[in-house]
């Protein structure tokens, strides 16, 4: 059912849902628009409304070909809404779920567009704070770029900052999506431009590999990996592109590239990547205690292997447009961040070998245990029989009765 948003806009149809609210297809004085209507409990928060109004100038001033423009911010009774340009297309998550991984040329072209958008935002003093495939829109009506990639536009600027009020994010809380959170956020430092670079590098890794570098399993385990583990190499991509990824996934924010530098360096790689097919890489499994996700199908005779990808913060949630974007999470304590059972760095393995702790590795260990157990039983039996015969030969007593049968 259509509803009025302020005095100038009409929301006609819900096209998406998230933890912050709903996205509507709407109409305004200048034609179709997208309206992000925040939840009622957020709209009733006077502190958040004040922050909303304060951010108005900064958000309305963000204009760039690769940014979804915010046209208006509406505060009307219980309605708190961002009115944005309508992009005719889909989001990057939808494409990634359909294709699993992209050809390197298309992946790099898309990420370079987003880096351009971040460069403009950072120059204006705005940090996105929630860069991920769900917030990258692909304009299906725009001209095709390298690798057949549609123009990419970054959306949802300012939403994370609006929701991140002191009342909601005390020292023990985090705003963001675990797979893409920079280590400094996990450690409680204020988010600066470098957190967007880390998140965007994570997106590029995911587009190339089909899974995020530190994702999978319980959100707490994901946060620990961001702080303690090193990224596993991706075979088959040019060394210079890999070094770009490593630099932008650095634990130290100062070591990462600026958005403008990242965009330029990525575009330098496009000629080298032309015609390269999607990577063929194995998706690592997880130790059983690191995940509660259902196991994926495996080859006959093998245990199911648990897959790693973007983590749903809502147990049992299915991957759709209702994914949670801004969810409060507990920050791990120093002892947890030190690693414990999950703090050891994972290292790349050669083809055909199982990662320690993976389902396949555990199955192999169990098979070895069974084999050793059977061998132990056989050895014990042989020793026992030998001892019995020895005692029988040296026994002066009557011979044992013969229980065999014979023909009459």
Protein backbone atom coordinates (compact mmCIF):
# COMPACT_ATOMS: atom_id res chain seq x y z
CA UNK A 1 0.00 0.00 0.00
CA UNK A 2 1.32 3.44 -0.93
CA UNK A 3 2.18 5.89 1.84
CA UNK A 4 3.18 9.53 1.95
CA UNK A 5 6.72 10.40 3.05
CA UNK A 6 6.73 14.04 4.04
CA UNK A 7 4.88 16.39 1.75
CA UNK A 8 6.78 15.69 -1.47
CA UNK A 9 7.20 11.93 -1.78
CA UNK A 10 5.07 8.80 -2.06
CA UNK A 11 6.41 5.34 -1.23
CA UNK A 12 4.64 2.83 -3.47
CA UNK A 13 6.29 -0.57 -3.09
CA UNK A 14 8.86 -2.25 -0.83
CA UNK A 15 11.86 -3.45 -2.84
CA UNK A 16 14.20 -4.41 0.00
CA UNK A 17 14.51 -4.86 3.75
CA UNK A 18 17.41 -4.51 6.16
CA UNK A 19 18.03 -4.21 9.87
CA UNK A 20 17.91 -0.41 9.59
CA UNK A 21 14.58 -0.28 7.78
CA UNK A 22 12.96 -0.78 4.39
CA UNK A 23 13.71 0.46 0.88
CA UNK A 24 10.76 1.59 -1.18
CA UNK A 25 10.21 2.40 -4.82
CA UNK A 26 8.70 5.84 -4.70
CA UNK A 27 7.75 9.00 -6.58
CA UNK A 28 8.88 12.56 -6.07
CA UNK A 29 8.47 15.90 -7.82
CA UNK A 30 11.15 14.95 -10.35
CA UNK A 31 10.13 11.36 -10.97
CA UNK A 32 10.96 7.90 -9.55
CA UNK A 33 13.14 7.70 -6.44
CA UNK A 34 14.34 5.12 -3.93
CA UNK A 35 13.26 5.83 -0.35
CA UNK A 36 15.07 4.27 2.61
CA UNK A 37 12.62 4.43 5.51
CA UNK A 38 14.31 3.83 8.86
CA UNK A 39 12.69 1.73 11.56
CA UNK A 40 10.14 3.40 13.84
CA UNK A 41 12.24 2.86 16.95
CA UNK A 42 15.08 4.74 15.26
CA UNK A 43 12.76 7.52 14.18
CA UNK A 44 11.52 7.94 17.78
CA UNK A 45 15.08 8.44 19.05
CA UNK A 46 15.47 12.21 19.42
CA UNK A 47 19.25 11.96 19.59
CA UNK A 48 19.35 10.08 16.31
CA UNK A 49 16.95 12.54 14.70
CA UNK A 50 19.29 15.34 15.73
CA UNK A 51 22.26 13.53 14.19
CA UNK A 52 20.15 12.90 11.09
CA UNK A 53 19.56 16.62 10.64
CA UNK A 54 23.23 17.42 11.32
CA UNK A 55 24.35 15.03 8.59
CA UNK A 56 21.94 16.47 6.05
CA UNK A 57 24.37 18.94 4.49
CA UNK A 58 27.21 16.42 4.20
CA UNK A 59 25.03 13.70 2.66
CA UNK A 60 23.26 16.01 0.22
CA UNK A 61 26.62 17.34 -0.91
CA UNK A 62 27.94 13.93 -1.97
CA UNK A 63 27.70 13.92 -5.75
CA UNK A 64 29.75 11.61 -7.94
CA UNK A 65 29.01 9.34 -10.93
CA UNK A 66 29.68 6.27 -8.77
CA UNK A 67 27.71 7.40 -5.70
CA UNK A 68 23.96 6.94 -5.39
CA UNK A 69 22.95 10.53 -4.76
CA UNK A 70 20.93 11.36 -1.65
CA UNK A 71 18.32 13.89 -2.79
CA UNK A 72 16.61 14.60 0.49
CA UNK A 73 16.38 13.66 4.18
CA UNK A 74 12.85 13.62 5.52
CA UNK A 75 11.88 14.02 9.18
CA UNK A 76 8.10 13.88 9.48
CA UNK A 77 6.44 12.59 12.64
CA UNK A 78 7.50 8.95 12.99
CA UNK A 79 9.03 8.89 9.51
CA UNK A 80 12.79 9.22 9.10
CA UNK A 81 13.82 8.64 5.48
CA UNK A 82 16.61 9.10 2.98
CA UNK A 83 15.40 9.84 -0.54
CA UNK A 84 17.90 8.67 -3.17
CA UNK A 85 18.30 8.35 -6.90
CA UNK A 86 16.72 5.20 -8.29
CA UNK A 87 19.27 2.87 -9.90
CA UNK A 88 17.85 0.46 -12.46
CA UNK A 89 19.77 -2.72 -11.84
CA UNK A 90 20.79 -5.13 -9.12
CA UNK A 91 23.24 -5.20 -6.26
CA UNK A 92 26.65 -6.82 -6.37
CA UNK A 93 25.66 -9.50 -3.84
CA UNK A 94 22.95 -10.76 -6.17
CA UNK A 95 25.40 -11.07 -9.05
CA UNK A 96 27.98 -12.75 -6.84
CA UNK A 97 25.45 -15.31 -5.62
CA UNK A 98 24.47 -16.06 -9.19
CA UNK A 99 28.02 -16.41 -10.56
CA UNK A 100 29.89 -17.37 -7.34
CA UNK A 101 33.01 -15.50 -8.50
CA UNK A 102 33.75 -12.97 -11.24
CA UNK A 103 36.42 -12.84 -13.90
CA UNK A 104 39.34 -10.74 -12.55
CA UNK A 105 38.90 -7.99 -15.16
CA UNK A 106 35.24 -7.41 -14.27
CA UNK A 107 35.93 -7.66 -10.53
CA UNK A 108 38.73 -5.10 -10.68
CA UNK A 109 36.68 -2.72 -12.87
CA UNK A 110 33.79 -2.78 -10.37
CA UNK A 111 36.05 -2.24 -7.37
CA UNK A 112 37.85 0.62 -9.15
CA UNK A 113 34.48 2.36 -9.59
CA UNK A 114 33.75 1.96 -5.88
CA UNK A 115 37.24 3.24 -5.01
CA UNK A 116 36.49 6.36 -7.06
CA UNK A 117 33.29 6.83 -5.07
CA UNK A 118 35.17 6.46 -1.77
CA UNK A 119 37.82 8.95 -2.91
CA UNK A 120 35.10 11.58 -3.43
CA UNK A 121 33.45 10.78 -0.11
CA UNK A 122 36.70 10.84 1.86
CA UNK A 123 37.64 14.16 0.27
CA UNK A 124 34.34 15.51 1.62
CA UNK A 125 35.09 14.12 5.08
CA UNK A 126 32.55 11.27 4.88
CA UNK A 127 33.46 7.68 5.85
CA UNK A 128 31.04 5.03 4.58
CA UNK A 129 31.76 2.42 7.29
CA UNK A 130 29.75 -0.38 5.70
CA UNK A 131 31.27 -1.16 2.30
CA UNK A 132 30.09 -4.60 1.15
CA UNK A 133 28.49 -6.18 -1.95
CA UNK A 134 24.95 -5.42 -0.72
CA UNK A 135 25.74 -1.70 -0.83
CA UNK A 136 27.19 -1.72 -4.35
CA UNK A 137 24.55 -1.27 -7.07
CA UNK A 138 25.15 -2.22 -10.71
CA UNK A 139 23.52 0.14 -13.22
CA UNK A 140 22.14 -2.18 -15.89
CA UNK A 141 21.26 0.80 -18.09
CA UNK A 142 24.81 2.18 -18.07
CA UNK A 143 27.52 1.43 -20.66
CA UNK A 144 29.49 -1.77 -20.27
CA UNK A 145 33.03 -1.38 -19.01
CA UNK A 146 36.09 -3.68 -18.93
CA UNK A 147 35.19 -7.34 -18.73
CA UNK A 148 31.55 -6.51 -19.49
CA UNK A 149 31.09 -4.91 -16.06
CA UNK A 150 28.16 -2.57 -15.53
CA UNK A 151 28.93 0.76 -13.83
CA UNK A 152 29.06 0.34 -10.04
CA UNK A 153 27.55 2.84 -7.61
CA UNK A 154 28.04 2.90 -3.83
CA UNK A 155 24.97 3.48 -1.71
CA UNK A 156 23.90 3.75 1.95
CA UNK A 157 26.29 6.55 2.85
CA UNK A 158 25.73 7.83 6.35
CA UNK A 159 23.38 5.11 7.61
CA UNK A 160 26.01 3.40 9.78
CA UNK A 161 27.08 6.73 11.26
CA UNK A 162 23.51 7.75 12.00
CA UNK A 163 22.78 4.53 13.86
CA UNK A 164 26.13 4.57 15.67
CA UNK A 165 25.01 6.72 18.59
CA UNK A 166 26.78 6.44 21.97
CA UNK A 167 23.62 5.01 23.48
CA UNK A 168 23.69 2.09 21.02
CA UNK A 169 27.42 1.53 20.66
CA UNK A 170 29.06 1.52 24.03
CA UNK A 171 32.58 0.17 24.46
CA UNK A 172 31.34 -3.39 24.13
CA UNK A 173 29.50 -2.96 20.82
CA UNK A 174 30.39 -2.80 17.13
CA UNK A 175 28.41 -1.42 14.20
CA UNK A 176 29.04 -3.16 10.89
CA UNK A 177 29.16 -6.48 9.08
CA UNK A 178 31.77 -8.93 10.48
CA UNK A 179 33.33 -10.14 7.22
CA UNK A 180 34.29 -6.60 6.19
CA UNK A 181 35.28 -5.01 9.50
CA UNK A 182 38.78 -3.55 9.72
CA UNK A 183 40.93 -4.75 12.66
CA UNK A 184 41.02 -1.29 14.25
CA UNK A 185 37.22 -1.30 14.58
CA UNK A 186 37.36 -4.70 16.28
CA UNK A 187 39.91 -3.25 18.70
CA UNK A 188 37.65 -0.30 19.51
CA UNK A 189 39.40 2.50 17.60
CA UNK A 190 37.37 5.21 15.84
CA UNK A 191 36.60 4.46 12.17
CA UNK A 192 38.52 6.56 9.68
CA UNK A 193 38.84 6.45 5.89
CA UNK A 194 41.18 3.44 6.03
CA UNK A 195 38.34 1.19 7.26
CA UNK A 196 36.59 1.66 3.91
CA UNK A 197 39.76 0.64 2.04
CA UNK A 198 40.04 -2.54 4.11
CA UNK A 199 36.37 -3.39 3.47
CA UNK A 200 36.71 -2.71 -0.26
CA UNK A 201 39.80 -4.93 -0.49
CA UNK A 202 37.77 -7.65 1.26
CA UNK A 203 35.06 -7.22 -1.39
CA UNK A 204 37.65 -7.57 -4.18
CA UNK A 205 39.04 -10.74 -2.58
CA UNK A 206 35.50 -12.11 -2.37
CA UNK A 207 34.73 -11.29 -6.01
CA UNK A 208 37.89 -13.12 -7.10
CA UNK A 209 37.74 -16.10 -4.74
CA UNK A 210 34.05 -16.57 -4.03
CA UNK A 211 34.57 -16.21 -0.26
CA UNK A 212 35.86 -13.52 2.08
CA UNK A 213 39.41 -13.80 3.47
CA UNK A 214 38.45 -14.00 7.16
CA UNK A 215 34.75 -14.88 7.10
CA UNK A 216 32.78 -17.95 8.09
CA UNK A 217 31.49 -19.47 11.30
CA UNK A 218 30.60 -17.61 14.47
CA UNK A 219 30.89 -13.79 14.24
CA UNK A 220 33.28 -13.77 17.21
CA UNK A 221 35.65 -16.10 15.35
CA UNK A 222 35.46 -13.82 12.30
CA UNK A 223 36.43 -10.79 14.40
CA UNK A 224 39.41 -12.65 15.88
CA UNK A 225 40.69 -13.58 12.44
CA UNK A 226 40.66 -9.96 11.29
CA UNK A 227 43.02 -9.12 14.14
CA UNK A 228 45.22 -12.21 14.32
CA UNK A 229 45.40 -13.95 10.95
CA UNK A 230 47.14 -13.25 7.65
CA UNK A 231 45.32 -13.42 4.35
CA UNK A 232 45.64 -16.66 2.38
CA UNK A 233 47.12 -16.09 -1.12
CA UNK A 234 45.02 -16.49 -4.25
CA UNK A 235 46.87 -18.48 -6.92
CA UNK A 236 46.52 -17.39 -10.52
CA UNK A 237 46.37 -13.60 -10.24
CA UNK A 238 49.20 -11.25 -11.23
CA UNK A 239 51.68 -10.55 -8.45
CA UNK A 240 51.10 -6.80 -8.58
CA UNK A 241 47.36 -7.23 -8.07
CA UNK A 242 48.02 -9.58 -5.16
CA UNK A 243 50.36 -7.04 -3.56
CA UNK A 244 47.64 -4.40 -3.87
CA UNK A 245 45.25 -6.68 -2.02
CA UNK A 246 47.78 -7.44 0.71
CA UNK A 247 48.58 -3.76 1.20
CA UNK A 248 44.93 -2.77 1.50
CA UNK A 249 44.26 -5.66 3.91
CA UNK A 250 47.13 -4.60 6.15
CA UNK A 251 46.38 -4.66 9.89
CA UNK A 252 47.89 -1.17 10.29
CA UNK A 253 45.56 1.50 8.81
CA UNK A 254 48.50 3.72 7.82
CA UNK A 255 49.87 0.97 5.56
CA UNK A 256 46.80 0.95 3.31
CA UNK A 257 46.45 2.93 0.11
CA UNK A 258 44.20 5.96 -0.19
CA UNK A 259 41.04 5.43 -2.24
CA UNK A 260 42.27 7.53 -5.18
CA UNK A 261 45.56 5.61 -5.28
CA UNK A 262 43.73 2.29 -5.15
CA UNK A 263 41.43 3.25 -8.04
CA UNK A 264 44.38 4.33 -10.22
CA UNK A 265 46.46 1.24 -9.43
CA UNK A 266 43.54 -1.09 -10.12
CA UNK A 267 42.88 0.45 -13.52
CA UNK A 268 46.54 -0.03 -14.40
CA UNK A 269 45.94 -3.77 -13.97
CA UNK A 270 43.00 -4.01 -16.37
CA UNK A 271 45.01 -4.63 -19.60
CA UNK A 272 46.86 -7.52 -17.93
CA UNK A 273 43.58 -9.08 -16.76
CA UNK A 274 41.76 -8.91 -20.10
CA UNK A 275 40.32 -12.30 -21.06
CA UNK A 276 41.39 -14.03 -17.84
CA UNK A 277 38.74 -16.54 -16.67
CA UNK A 278 37.44 -16.67 -13.09
CA UNK A 279 39.89 -18.21 -10.64
CA UNK A 280 39.64 -21.89 -9.78
CA UNK A 281 40.37 -21.95 -6.06
CA UNK A 282 39.31 -24.26 -3.25
CA UNK A 283 37.05 -22.76 -0.65
CA UNK A 284 38.51 -23.64 2.75
CA UNK A 285 36.50 -25.59 5.31
CA UNK A 286 36.06 -24.69 8.96
CA UNK A 287 36.69 -26.50 12.19
CA UNK A 288 33.41 -27.81 13.62
CA UNK A 289 33.56 -25.54 16.65
CA UNK A 290 33.92 -22.42 14.48
CA UNK A 291 30.58 -22.70 12.71
CA UNK A 292 26.97 -23.62 13.17
CA UNK A 293 26.21 -23.41 9.44
CA UNK A 294 24.93 -26.55 7.67
CA UNK A 295 27.53 -28.58 5.83
CA UNK A 296 27.72 -28.51 2.05
CA UNK A 297 27.45 -31.63 -0.07
CA UNK A 298 30.65 -33.59 -0.64
CA UNK A 299 31.93 -36.29 -2.95
CA UNK A 300 30.78 -39.87 -2.20
CA UNK A 301 32.80 -41.35 0.64
CA UNK A 302 33.88 -37.96 1.99
CA UNK A 303 32.51 -35.92 4.87
CA UNK A 304 30.59 -32.74 4.02
CA UNK A 305 32.84 -29.70 3.89
CA UNK A 306 31.63 -26.58 5.62
CA UNK A 307 31.77 -23.56 3.34
CA UNK A 308 32.92 -20.10 4.23
CA UNK A 309 31.35 -16.92 2.94
CA UNK A 310 29.60 -13.81 4.18
CA UNK A 311 28.19 -14.50 7.65
CA UNK A 312 24.54 -14.00 8.48
CA UNK A 313 24.23 -12.35 11.87
CA UNK A 314 20.73 -13.77 12.35
CA UNK A 315 20.80 -17.54 13.04
CA UNK A 316 18.97 -19.39 10.30
CA UNK A 317 18.58 -16.33 8.10
CA UNK A 318 18.57 -17.01 4.38
CA UNK A 319 20.65 -14.91 1.97
CA UNK A 320 18.21 -12.38 0.60
CA UNK A 321 17.52 -8.65 0.63
CA UNK A 322 16.71 -8.83 4.34
CA UNK A 323 20.32 -9.27 5.42
CA UNK A 324 21.23 -7.39 8.55
CA UNK A 325 23.52 -4.49 7.83
CA UNK A 326 23.97 -2.74 11.15
CA UNK A 327 23.97 -5.11 14.10
CA UNK A 328 25.46 -4.55 17.54
CA UNK A 329 28.07 -7.14 18.39
CA UNK A 330 30.26 -7.82 21.40
CA UNK A 331 33.91 -6.84 21.06
CA UNK A 332 36.18 -9.82 21.90
CA UNK A 333 38.37 -9.36 24.98
CA UNK A 334 42.19 -9.33 24.82
CA UNK A 335 42.42 -13.02 25.68
CA UNK A 336 40.06 -13.91 22.83
CA UNK A 337 41.89 -11.70 20.35
CA UNK A 338 45.12 -13.43 21.35
CA UNK A 339 43.84 -16.42 19.45
CA UNK A 340 43.14 -19.39 21.70
CA UNK A 341 41.86 -22.35 19.77
CA UNK A 342 41.15 -20.24 16.69
CA UNK A 343 44.02 -17.79 16.78
CA UNK A 344 46.62 -19.68 14.79
CA UNK A 345 47.26 -18.34 11.32
CA UNK A 346 45.99 -20.43 8.46
CA UNK A 347 48.49 -21.16 5.74
CA UNK A 348 47.91 -22.11 2.12
CA UNK A 349 48.05 -25.81 1.41
CA UNK A 350 48.94 -27.79 -1.64
CA UNK A 351 46.24 -29.39 -3.75
CA UNK A 352 44.92 -32.65 -2.36
CA UNK A 353 45.89 -31.98 1.25
CA UNK A 354 43.42 -31.18 3.98
CA UNK A 355 43.65 -28.12 6.18
CA UNK A 356 44.19 -29.07 9.84
CA UNK A 357 40.85 -28.78 11.64
CA UNK A 358 38.79 -29.09 8.46
CA UNK A 359 36.10 -31.74 8.09
CA UNK A 360 38.22 -33.63 5.57
CA UNK A 361 41.22 -33.54 7.90
CA UNK A 362 39.15 -34.79 10.85
CA UNK A 363 37.80 -37.64 8.73
CA UNK A 364 41.32 -38.65 7.74
CA UNK A 365 42.40 -38.60 11.40
CA UNK A 366 39.46 -40.81 12.35
CA UNK A 367 40.31 -43.26 9.55
CA UNK A 368 43.90 -43.45 10.77
CA UNK A 369 42.66 -44.03 14.33
CA UNK A 370 40.37 -46.86 13.18
CA UNK A 371 43.20 -48.44 11.19
CA UNK A 372 45.57 -48.25 14.16
CA UNK A 373 42.88 -49.62 16.46
CA UNK A 374 42.26 -52.64 14.21
CA UNK A 375 45.99 -53.25 13.92
CA UNK A 376 46.27 -53.12 17.71
CA UNK A 377 43.55 -55.72 18.12
CA UNK A 378 45.24 -58.04 15.60
CA UNK A 379 48.61 -57.72 17.34
CA UNK A 380 47.02 -58.41 20.74
CA UNK A 381 45.27 -61.48 19.35
CA UNK A 382 48.48 -62.87 17.86
CA UNK A 383 50.37 -62.33 21.10
CA UNK A 384 47.58 -63.97 23.09
CA UNK A 385 47.47 -67.05 20.84
CA UNK A 386 51.26 -67.40 21.03
CA UNK A 387 51.16 -67.26 24.82
CA UNK A 388 48.40 -69.89 24.97
CA UNK A 389 50.34 -72.34 22.79
CA UNK A 390 53.46 -71.82 24.85
CA UNK A 391 51.60 -72.60 28.07
CA UNK A 392 49.92 -75.64 26.47
CA UNK A 393 53.25 -77.15 25.35
CA UNK A 394 54.80 -76.85 28.79
CA UNK A 395 51.77 -78.11 30.75
CA UNK A 396 52.19 -81.58 32.35
CA UNK A 397 48.52 -81.88 33.05
CA UNK A 398 45.92 -83.56 30.91
CA UNK A 399 45.60 -82.47 27.33
CA UNK A 400 42.70 -80.21 26.53
CA UNK A 401 39.53 -81.93 25.37
CA UNK A 402 38.98 -82.12 21.64
CA UNK A 403 35.66 -80.55 20.71
CA UNK A 404 35.98 -81.30 17.00
CA UNK A 405 33.61 -83.72 15.31
CA UNK A 406 34.44 -86.62 13.01
CA UNK A 407 32.48 -88.84 10.71
CA UNK A 408 31.09 -91.99 12.31
